[in-house]
Amino acid sequence: MQLAQNNKIISIENVSMRYDNRYVLENINLDVFDKDFIAITGPNGGGKTTLLKIILRLIEPTIGKVVYWNAENNSSNLKVGYLPQKNMIDSHFPITVKEVIASGLLSKSSIFSKSKEFENAVEETICQMGVEDIKNQPIGNLSGGQLQRTLLGRALISSPNILVLDEPLSYVDKRFEHQIYNIISNIAPHTTIILVSHEMTAIAPMATRHIIIDHTLHDCHADHHYISQCE
């Protein structure tokens, strides 16, 4: 897939992140383009999730910056869908599956939230994620795979311009794993995707770029030492 190199939507510029006098990330430079599909892998503790949080502006880097672009102008925000790792979710929070998925549309107006269009979008996403039978269950009652599907629904419901997925296959059974592949394959042509995964076998052919994050950034195509980790 050929990307429009002048259609940049995110710039990660000279980013480093330090915790307790130890650098988790060092001198990360990466441009993300419209319709890009960046597959990221790397060892545990290498800084992958930290990089995603910096890209999402959930945390500030120690050094460097992240710039969002709209055409050739700086943009204050982007329409982003985010699937965090399961361990970042408070499963004891008293909220149902349907409410979690619907929360992905909370940026819409209160009028929209009361509309038939809103309800249809929520129900369609519930069906797409295969959680119809548990939609009124509190998330504390869910299995790991059921919660992962619920969170993916929340990330997708707003049809985001950018979809950020942190280990989307975690806790998911093999049947739904293939459904996730199909969902990602269907949205990839019109959505920018940044995906972190240890399992690249099925993801790799969909991606436009593959990189390793091991405290620094390694391009799998340029750095032969890391190529086997991306295959």
C-alpha atoms as a PDB file:
ATOM      1  CA  MET A   1       0.000   0.000   0.000  1.00  0.00           C
ATOM      2  CA  GLN A   2       1.428   3.351  -1.067  1.00  0.00           C
ATOM      3  CA  LEU A   3       0.954   6.105   1.526  1.00  0.00           C
ATOM      4  CA  ALA A   4       0.571   9.799   0.757  1.00  0.00           C
ATOM      5  CA  GLN A   5       3.751  11.058   2.395  1.00  0.00           C
ATOM      6  CA  ASN A   6       2.440  14.628   2.472  1.00  0.00           C
ATOM      7  CA  ASN A   7      -0.653  13.539   4.434  1.00  0.00           C
ATOM      8  CA  LYS A   8       0.970  13.294   7.841  1.00  0.00           C
ATOM      9  CA  ILE A   9      -1.370  13.162  10.835  1.00  0.00           C
ATOM     10  CA  ILE A  10       0.998  12.516  13.775  1.00  0.00           C
ATOM     11  CA  SER A  11       4.650  13.388  14.347  1.00  0.00           C
ATOM     12  CA  ILE A  12       6.594  11.883  17.257  1.00  0.00           C
ATOM     13  CA  GLU A  13       9.640  14.129  17.543  1.00  0.00           C
ATOM     14  CA  ASN A  14      12.758  13.247  19.561  1.00  0.00           C
ATOM     15  CA  VAL A  15      10.678  11.626  22.300  1.00  0.00           C
ATOM     16  CA  SER A  16      12.311  10.162  25.397  1.00  0.00           C
ATOM     17  CA  MET A  17      10.622   9.028  28.602  1.00  0.00           C
ATOM     18  CA  ARG A  18      12.353   8.572  31.934  1.00  0.00           C
ATOM     19  CA  TYR A  19      11.063   6.926  35.106  1.00  0.00           C
ATOM     20  CA  ASP A  20      13.179   6.938  38.291  1.00  0.00           C
ATOM     21  CA  ASN A  21      16.340   7.976  36.428  1.00  0.00           C
ATOM     22  CA  ARG A  22      15.877   5.159  33.901  1.00  0.00           C
ATOM     23  CA  TYR A  23      14.923   5.794  30.281  1.00  0.00           C
ATOM     24  CA  VAL A  24      12.018   3.637  29.117  1.00  0.00           C
ATOM     25  CA  LEU A  25      12.124   5.314  25.693  1.00  0.00           C
ATOM     26  CA  GLU A  26      15.033   7.105  24.062  1.00  0.00           C
ATOM     27  CA  ASN A  27      15.016   9.405  21.030  1.00  0.00           C
ATOM     28  CA  ILE A  28      11.897   8.086  19.290  1.00  0.00           C
ATOM     29  CA  ASN A  29      11.116   9.693  15.929  1.00  0.00           C
ATOM     30  CA  LEU A  30       8.135   8.485  13.936  1.00  0.00           C
ATOM     31  CA  ASP A  31       5.694   9.992  11.438  1.00  0.00           C
ATOM     32  CA  VAL A  32       2.228   8.487  11.070  1.00  0.00           C
ATOM     33  CA  PHE A  33       0.397   9.070   7.793  1.00  0.00           C
ATOM     34  CA  ASP A  34      -3.255   8.912   6.800  1.00  0.00           C
ATOM     35  CA  LYS A  35      -4.326   5.258   6.236  1.00  0.00           C
ATOM     36  CA  ASP A  36      -1.077   4.038   7.774  1.00  0.00           C
ATOM     37  CA  PHE A  37      -1.164   0.668   9.534  1.00  0.00           C
ATOM     38  CA  ILE A  38       1.782   0.458  11.911  1.00  0.00           C
ATOM     39  CA  ALA A  39       2.322  -2.882  13.633  1.00  0.00           C
ATOM     40  CA  ILE A  40       4.510  -2.590  16.726  1.00  0.00           C
ATOM     41  CA  THR A  41       6.130  -5.433  18.616  1.00  0.00           C
ATOM     42  CA  GLY A  42       9.006  -5.765  21.062  1.00  0.00           C
ATOM     43  CA  PRO A  43       9.965  -7.282  24.415  1.00  0.00           C
ATOM     44  CA  ASN A  44       7.987  -6.810  27.613  1.00  0.00           C
ATOM     45  CA  GLY A  45       9.161  -3.659  29.348  1.00  0.00           C
ATOM     46  CA  GLY A  46      10.523  -2.246  26.105  1.00  0.00           C
ATOM     47  CA  GLY A  47       8.245   0.810  26.195  1.00  0.00           C
ATOM     48  CA  LYS A  48       5.474  -0.099  23.736  1.00  0.00           C
ATOM     49  CA  THR A  49       2.534   0.860  25.942  1.00  0.00           C
ATOM     50  CA  THR A  50       4.352   3.961  27.179  1.00  0.00           C
ATOM     51  CA  LEU A  51       4.771   5.084  23.562  1.00  0.00           C
ATOM     52  CA  LEU A  52       1.065   4.576  22.871  1.00  0.00           C
ATOM     53  CA  LYS A  53       0.141   6.667  25.924  1.00  0.00           C
ATOM     54  CA  ILE A  54       2.459   9.441  24.737  1.00  0.00           C
ATOM     55  CA  ILE A  55       0.938   9.323  21.237  1.00  0.00           C
ATOM     56  CA  LEU A  56      -2.535   9.571  22.802  1.00  0.00           C
ATOM     57  CA  ARG A  57      -1.341  12.465  25.009  1.00  0.00           C
ATOM     58  CA  LEU A  58      -2.298  10.553  28.129  1.00  0.00           C
ATOM     59  CA  ILE A  59       1.190  11.260  29.488  1.00  0.00           C
ATOM     60  CA  GLU A  60       3.818  13.864  28.644  1.00  0.00           C
ATOM     61  CA  PRO A  61       7.261  12.713  27.481  1.00  0.00           C
ATOM     62  CA  THR A  62      10.308  13.751  29.473  1.00  0.00           C
ATOM     63  CA  ILE A  63      11.881  15.077  26.269  1.00  0.00           C
ATOM     64  CA  GLY A  64      10.367  15.758  22.849  1.00  0.00           C
ATOM     65  CA  LYS A  65       6.800  16.224  21.668  1.00  0.00           C
ATOM     66  CA  VAL A  66       3.886  14.766  19.746  1.00  0.00           C
ATOM     67  CA  VAL A  67       2.245  16.916  17.068  1.00  0.00           C
ATOM     68  CA  TYR A  68      -1.164  16.237  15.530  1.00  0.00           C
ATOM     69  CA  TRP A  69      -1.756  17.426  11.978  1.00  0.00           C
ATOM     70  CA  ASN A  70      -4.827  18.323   9.953  1.00  0.00           C
ATOM     71  CA  ALA A  71      -3.693  18.658   6.337  1.00  0.00           C
ATOM     72  CA  GLU A  72      -0.539  20.765   6.768  1.00  0.00           C
ATOM     73  CA  ASN A  73      -1.687  22.585   9.890  1.00  0.00           C
ATOM     74  CA  ASN A  74      -1.235  21.715  13.544  1.00  0.00           C
ATOM     75  CA  SER A  75      -4.394  20.230  15.051  1.00  0.00           C
ATOM     76  CA  SER A  76      -5.342  20.311  18.722  1.00  0.00           C
ATOM     77  CA  ASN A  77      -7.032  16.929  18.614  1.00  0.00           C
ATOM     78  CA  LEU A  78      -7.823  13.910  16.503  1.00  0.00           C
ATOM     79  CA  LYS A  79     -10.755  11.496  16.489  1.00  0.00           C
ATOM     80  CA  VAL A  80      -9.148   8.489  18.155  1.00  0.00           C
ATOM     81  CA  GLY A  81     -10.435   5.079  19.222  1.00  0.00           C
ATOM     82  CA  TYR A  82      -8.314   3.390  21.890  1.00  0.00           C
ATOM     83  CA  LEU A  83      -8.267  -0.196  23.095  1.00  0.00           C
ATOM     84  CA  PRO A  84      -6.092  -0.304  26.230  1.00  0.00           C
ATOM     85  CA  GLN A  85      -4.704  -3.424  27.815  1.00  0.00           C
ATOM     86  CA  LYS A  86      -7.250  -5.195  30.008  1.00  0.00           C
ATOM     87  CA  ASN A  87      -5.228  -4.621  33.175  1.00  0.00           C
ATOM     88  CA  MET A  88      -5.773  -0.856  32.817  1.00  0.00           C
ATOM     89  CA  ILE A  89      -9.549  -1.243  33.330  1.00  0.00           C
ATOM     90  CA  ASP A  90     -11.268  -1.145  36.725  1.00  0.00           C
ATOM     91  CA  SER A  91     -13.580  -4.138  36.359  1.00  0.00           C
ATOM     92  CA  HIS A  92     -15.316  -3.273  39.643  1.00  0.00           C
ATOM     93  CA  PHE A  93     -16.701  -0.029  38.243  1.00  0.00           C
ATOM     94  CA  PRO A  94     -20.531  -0.373  38.179  1.00  0.00           C
ATOM     95  CA  ILE A  95     -21.159  -0.070  34.439  1.00  0.00           C
ATOM     96  CA  THR A  96     -22.700  -2.477  31.947  1.00  0.00           C
ATOM     97  CA  VAL A  97     -21.367  -3.783  28.638  1.00  0.00           C
ATOM     98  CA  LYS A  98     -23.842  -1.620  26.718  1.00  0.00           C
ATOM     99  CA  GLU A  99     -22.882   1.488  28.692  1.00  0.00           C
ATOM    100  CA  VAL A 100     -19.167   0.895  28.065  1.00  0.00           C
ATOM    101  CA  ILE A 101     -19.698   0.579  24.324  1.00  0.00           C
ATOM    102  CA  ALA A 102     -22.014   3.615  24.252  1.00  0.00           C
ATOM    103  CA  SER A 103     -19.387   5.666  26.090  1.00  0.00           C
ATOM    104  CA  GLY A 104     -17.367   5.655  22.875  1.00  0.00           C
ATOM    105  CA  LEU A 105     -19.902   8.180  21.550  1.00  0.00           C
ATOM    106  CA  LEU A 106     -19.919  10.493  24.548  1.00  0.00           C
ATOM    107  CA  SER A 107     -18.198  13.253  22.591  1.00  0.00           C
ATOM    108  CA  LYS A 108     -21.411  13.538  20.573  1.00  0.00           C
ATOM    109  CA  SER A 109     -24.067  16.030  21.634  1.00  0.00           C
ATOM    110  CA  SER A 110     -26.592  15.153  24.334  1.00  0.00           C
ATOM    111  CA  ILE A 111     -29.310  15.409  21.663  1.00  0.00           C
ATOM    112  CA  PHE A 112     -27.587  12.715  19.597  1.00  0.00           C
ATOM    113  CA  SER A 113     -27.292  10.480  22.674  1.00  0.00           C
ATOM    114  CA  LYS A 114     -31.095  10.420  22.914  1.00  0.00           C
ATOM    115  CA  SER A 115     -31.652   9.707  19.222  1.00  0.00           C
ATOM    116  CA  LYS A 116     -32.584   6.536  17.375  1.00  0.00           C
ATOM    117  CA  GLU A 117     -29.351   6.864  15.405  1.00  0.00           C
ATOM    118  CA  PHE A 118     -27.361   6.647  18.648  1.00  0.00           C
ATOM    119  CA  GLU A 119     -29.268   3.582  19.830  1.00  0.00           C
ATOM    120  CA  ASN A 120     -28.845   1.879  16.446  1.00  0.00           C
ATOM    121  CA  ALA A 121     -25.083   2.528  16.461  1.00  0.00           C
ATOM    122  CA  VAL A 122     -24.789   1.013  19.948  1.00  0.00           C
ATOM    123  CA  GLU A 123     -26.858  -2.062  19.065  1.00  0.00           C
ATOM    124  CA  GLU A 124     -24.984  -2.620  15.781  1.00  0.00           C
ATOM    125  CA  THR A 125     -21.643  -2.479  17.587  1.00  0.00           C
ATOM    126  CA  ILE A 126     -22.894  -4.852  20.291  1.00  0.00           C
ATOM    127  CA  CYS A 127     -23.806  -7.350  17.560  1.00  0.00           C
ATOM    128  CA  GLN A 128     -20.510  -6.816  15.732  1.00  0.00           C
ATOM    129  CA  MET A 129     -18.630  -7.652  18.946  1.00  0.00           C
ATOM    130  CA  GLY A 130     -20.839 -10.672  19.674  1.00  0.00           C
ATOM    131  CA  VAL A 131     -21.881  -9.505  23.134  1.00  0.00           C
ATOM    132  CA  GLU A 132     -25.677  -9.381  22.647  1.00  0.00           C
ATOM    133  CA  ASP A 133     -26.354 -11.944  25.375  1.00  0.00           C
ATOM    134  CA  ILE A 134     -24.337 -10.055  27.992  1.00  0.00           C
ATOM    135  CA  LYS A 135     -25.030  -6.437  27.038  1.00  0.00           C
ATOM    136  CA  ASN A 136     -26.783  -5.706  30.347  1.00  0.00           C
ATOM    137  CA  GLN A 137     -24.177  -7.464  32.483  1.00  0.00           C
ATOM    138  CA  PRO A 138     -21.843  -5.374  34.669  1.00  0.00           C
ATOM    139  CA  ILE A 139     -18.260  -5.584  33.444  1.00  0.00           C
ATOM    140  CA  GLY A 140     -17.198  -7.163  36.733  1.00  0.00           C
ATOM    141  CA  ASN A 141     -19.038 -10.334  35.673  1.00  0.00           C
ATOM    142  CA  LEU A 142     -17.200 -10.696  32.361  1.00  0.00           C
ATOM    143  CA  SER A 143     -14.455 -13.070  31.333  1.00  0.00           C
ATOM    144  CA  GLY A 144     -11.245 -11.571  29.980  1.00  0.00           C
ATOM    145  CA  GLY A 145     -12.308 -12.211  26.386  1.00  0.00           C
ATOM    146  CA  GLN A 146     -15.767 -10.715  26.895  1.00  0.00           C
ATOM    147  CA  LEU A 147     -14.270  -7.565  28.408  1.00  0.00           C
ATOM    148  CA  GLN A 148     -11.786  -7.295  25.534  1.00  0.00           C
ATOM    149  CA  ARG A 149     -14.613  -7.461  22.998  1.00  0.00           C
ATOM    150  CA  THR A 150     -16.545  -4.812  24.929  1.00  0.00           C
ATOM    151  CA  LEU A 151     -13.565  -2.458  24.978  1.00  0.00           C
ATOM    152  CA  LEU A 152     -12.953  -3.022  21.265  1.00  0.00           C
ATOM    153  CA  GLY A 153     -16.573  -2.055  20.631  1.00  0.00           C
ATOM    154  CA  ARG A 154     -16.059   1.185  22.560  1.00  0.00           C
ATOM    155  CA  ALA A 155     -12.972   1.958  20.450  1.00  0.00           C
ATOM    156  CA  LEU A 156     -14.725   1.303  17.139  1.00  0.00           C
ATOM    157  CA  ILE A 157     -18.211   2.736  17.627  1.00  0.00           C
ATOM    158  CA  SER A 158     -17.317   6.328  16.703  1.00  0.00           C
ATOM    159  CA  SER A 159     -15.665   5.291  13.400  1.00  0.00           C
ATOM    160  CA  PRO A 160     -12.404   6.961  14.461  1.00  0.00           C
ATOM    161  CA  ASN A 161      -9.828   8.381  12.064  1.00  0.00           C
ATOM    162  CA  ILE A 162      -7.125   6.704  14.144  1.00  0.00           C
ATOM    163  CA  LEU A 163      -7.474   3.387  15.947  1.00  0.00           C
ATOM    164  CA  VAL A 164      -4.889   2.574  18.630  1.00  0.00           C
ATOM    165  CA  LEU A 165      -4.907  -1.066  19.766  1.00  0.00           C
ATOM    166  CA  ASP A 166      -2.766  -2.329  22.647  1.00  0.00           C
ATOM    167  CA  GLU A 167      -2.626  -6.152  22.535  1.00  0.00           C
ATOM    168  CA  PRO A 168      -6.124  -6.603  21.024  1.00  0.00           C
ATOM    169  CA  LEU A 169      -5.834 -10.409  21.009  1.00  0.00           C
ATOM    170  CA  SER A 170      -5.219 -10.720  24.749  1.00  0.00           C
ATOM    171  CA  TYR A 171      -7.717 -13.005  26.549  1.00  0.00           C
ATOM    172  CA  VAL A 172      -9.686 -13.582  23.341  1.00  0.00           C
ATOM    173  CA  ASP A 173     -10.637 -17.105  22.242  1.00  0.00           C
ATOM    174  CA  LYS A 174      -9.574 -18.383  18.817  1.00  0.00           C
ATOM    175  CA  ARG A 175     -13.037 -17.969  17.301  1.00  0.00           C
ATOM    176  CA  PHE A 176     -13.232 -14.282  18.131  1.00  0.00           C
ATOM    177  CA  GLU A 177      -9.550 -13.822  17.280  1.00  0.00           C
ATOM    178  CA  HIS A 178     -10.454 -14.494  13.651  1.00  0.00           C
ATOM    179  CA  GLN A 179     -13.375 -12.065  13.920  1.00  0.00           C
ATOM    180  CA  ILE A 180     -10.939  -9.396  15.117  1.00  0.00           C
ATOM    181  CA  TYR A 181      -8.713 -10.075  12.101  1.00  0.00           C
ATOM    182  CA  ASN A 182     -11.748  -9.575   9.847  1.00  0.00           C
ATOM    183  CA  ILE A 183     -12.806  -6.376  11.629  1.00  0.00           C
ATOM    184  CA  ILE A 184      -9.306  -4.916  11.364  1.00  0.00           C
ATOM    185  CA  SER A 185      -9.018  -5.968   7.723  1.00  0.00           C
ATOM    186  CA  ASN A 186     -12.329  -4.258   6.898  1.00  0.00           C
ATOM    187  CA  ILE A 187     -11.494  -0.944   8.566  1.00  0.00           C
ATOM    188  CA  ALA A 188      -7.822  -0.745   7.527  1.00  0.00           C
ATOM    189  CA  PRO A 189      -8.452   0.778   4.049  1.00  0.00           C
ATOM    190  CA  HIS A 190     -10.101   3.884   5.551  1.00  0.00           C
ATOM    191  CA  THR A 191      -8.642   4.106   9.083  1.00  0.00           C
ATOM    192  CA  THR A 192      -5.169   4.833  10.407  1.00  0.00           C
ATOM    193  CA  ILE A 193      -4.171   2.000  12.753  1.00  0.00           C
ATOM    194  CA  ILE A 194      -1.410   1.734  15.346  1.00  0.00           C
ATOM    195  CA  LEU A 195      -1.379  -1.769  16.792  1.00  0.00           C
ATOM    196  CA  VAL A 196       0.808  -3.382  19.450  1.00  0.00           C
ATOM    197  CA  SER A 197       0.849  -7.176  19.524  1.00  0.00           C
ATOM    198  CA  HIS A 198       3.085 -10.092  20.388  1.00  0.00           C
ATOM    199  CA  GLU A 199       1.191 -12.157  17.801  1.00  0.00           C
ATOM    200  CA  MET A 200       2.075 -10.831  14.351  1.00  0.00           C
ATOM    201  CA  THR A 201       1.400 -13.907  12.189  1.00  0.00           C
ATOM    202  CA  ALA A 202      -2.015 -12.806  10.892  1.00  0.00           C
ATOM    203  CA  ILE A 203      -1.559  -9.068  11.496  1.00  0.00           C
ATOM    204  CA  ALA A 204       1.675  -8.662   9.540  1.00  0.00           C
ATOM    205  CA  PRO A 205       0.232  -8.943   5.991  1.00  0.00           C
ATOM    206  CA  MET A 206      -2.276  -6.155   6.739  1.00  0.00           C
ATOM    207  CA  ALA A 207       0.287  -3.674   8.058  1.00  0.00           C
ATOM    208  CA  THR A 208       2.030  -1.041   5.944  1.00  0.00           C
ATOM    209  CA  ARG A 209       4.955  -0.813   8.378  1.00  0.00           C
ATOM    210  CA  HIS A 210       6.473  -2.968  11.111  1.00  0.00           C
ATOM    211  CA  ILE A 211       8.605  -1.597  13.910  1.00  0.00           C
ATOM    212  CA  ILE A 212      10.223  -2.862  17.102  1.00  0.00           C
ATOM    213  CA  ILE A 213      10.143  -0.789  20.272  1.00  0.00           C
ATOM    214  CA  ASP A 214      12.921  -1.904  22.599  1.00  0.00           C
ATOM    215  CA  HIS A 215      13.552   1.397  24.437  1.00  0.00           C
ATOM    216  CA  THR A 216      14.518   2.785  21.031  1.00  0.00           C
ATOM    217  CA  LEU A 217      12.791   2.409  17.663  1.00  0.00           C
ATOM    218  CA  HIS A 218      13.945  -0.165  15.112  1.00  0.00           C
ATOM    219  CA  ASP A 219      12.557  -0.362  11.582  1.00  0.00           C
ATOM    220  CA  CYS A 220      12.131  -4.051  10.773  1.00  0.00           C
ATOM    221  CA  HIS A 221      12.936  -3.492   7.114  1.00  0.00           C
ATOM    222  CA  ALA A 222      16.058  -1.448   7.803  1.00  0.00           C
ATOM    223  CA  ASP A 223      17.446  -3.217  10.876  1.00  0.00           C
ATOM    224  CA  HIS A 224      18.264  -6.837   9.963  1.00  0.00           C
ATOM    225  CA  HIS A 225      18.995  -7.688  13.594  1.00  0.00           C
ATOM    226  CA  TYR A 226      15.268  -7.342  14.379  1.00  0.00           C
ATOM    227  CA  ILE A 227      13.619  -8.687  11.214  1.00  0.00           C
ATOM    228  CA  SER A 228      12.835 -12.140  12.670  1.00  0.00           C
ATOM    229  CA  GLN A 229      10.816 -10.536  15.501  1.00  0.00           C
ATOM    230  CA  CYS A 230       8.459  -8.969  12.970  1.00  0.00           C
ATOM    231  CA  GLU A 231       7.749 -12.077  10.956  1.00  0.00           C
END
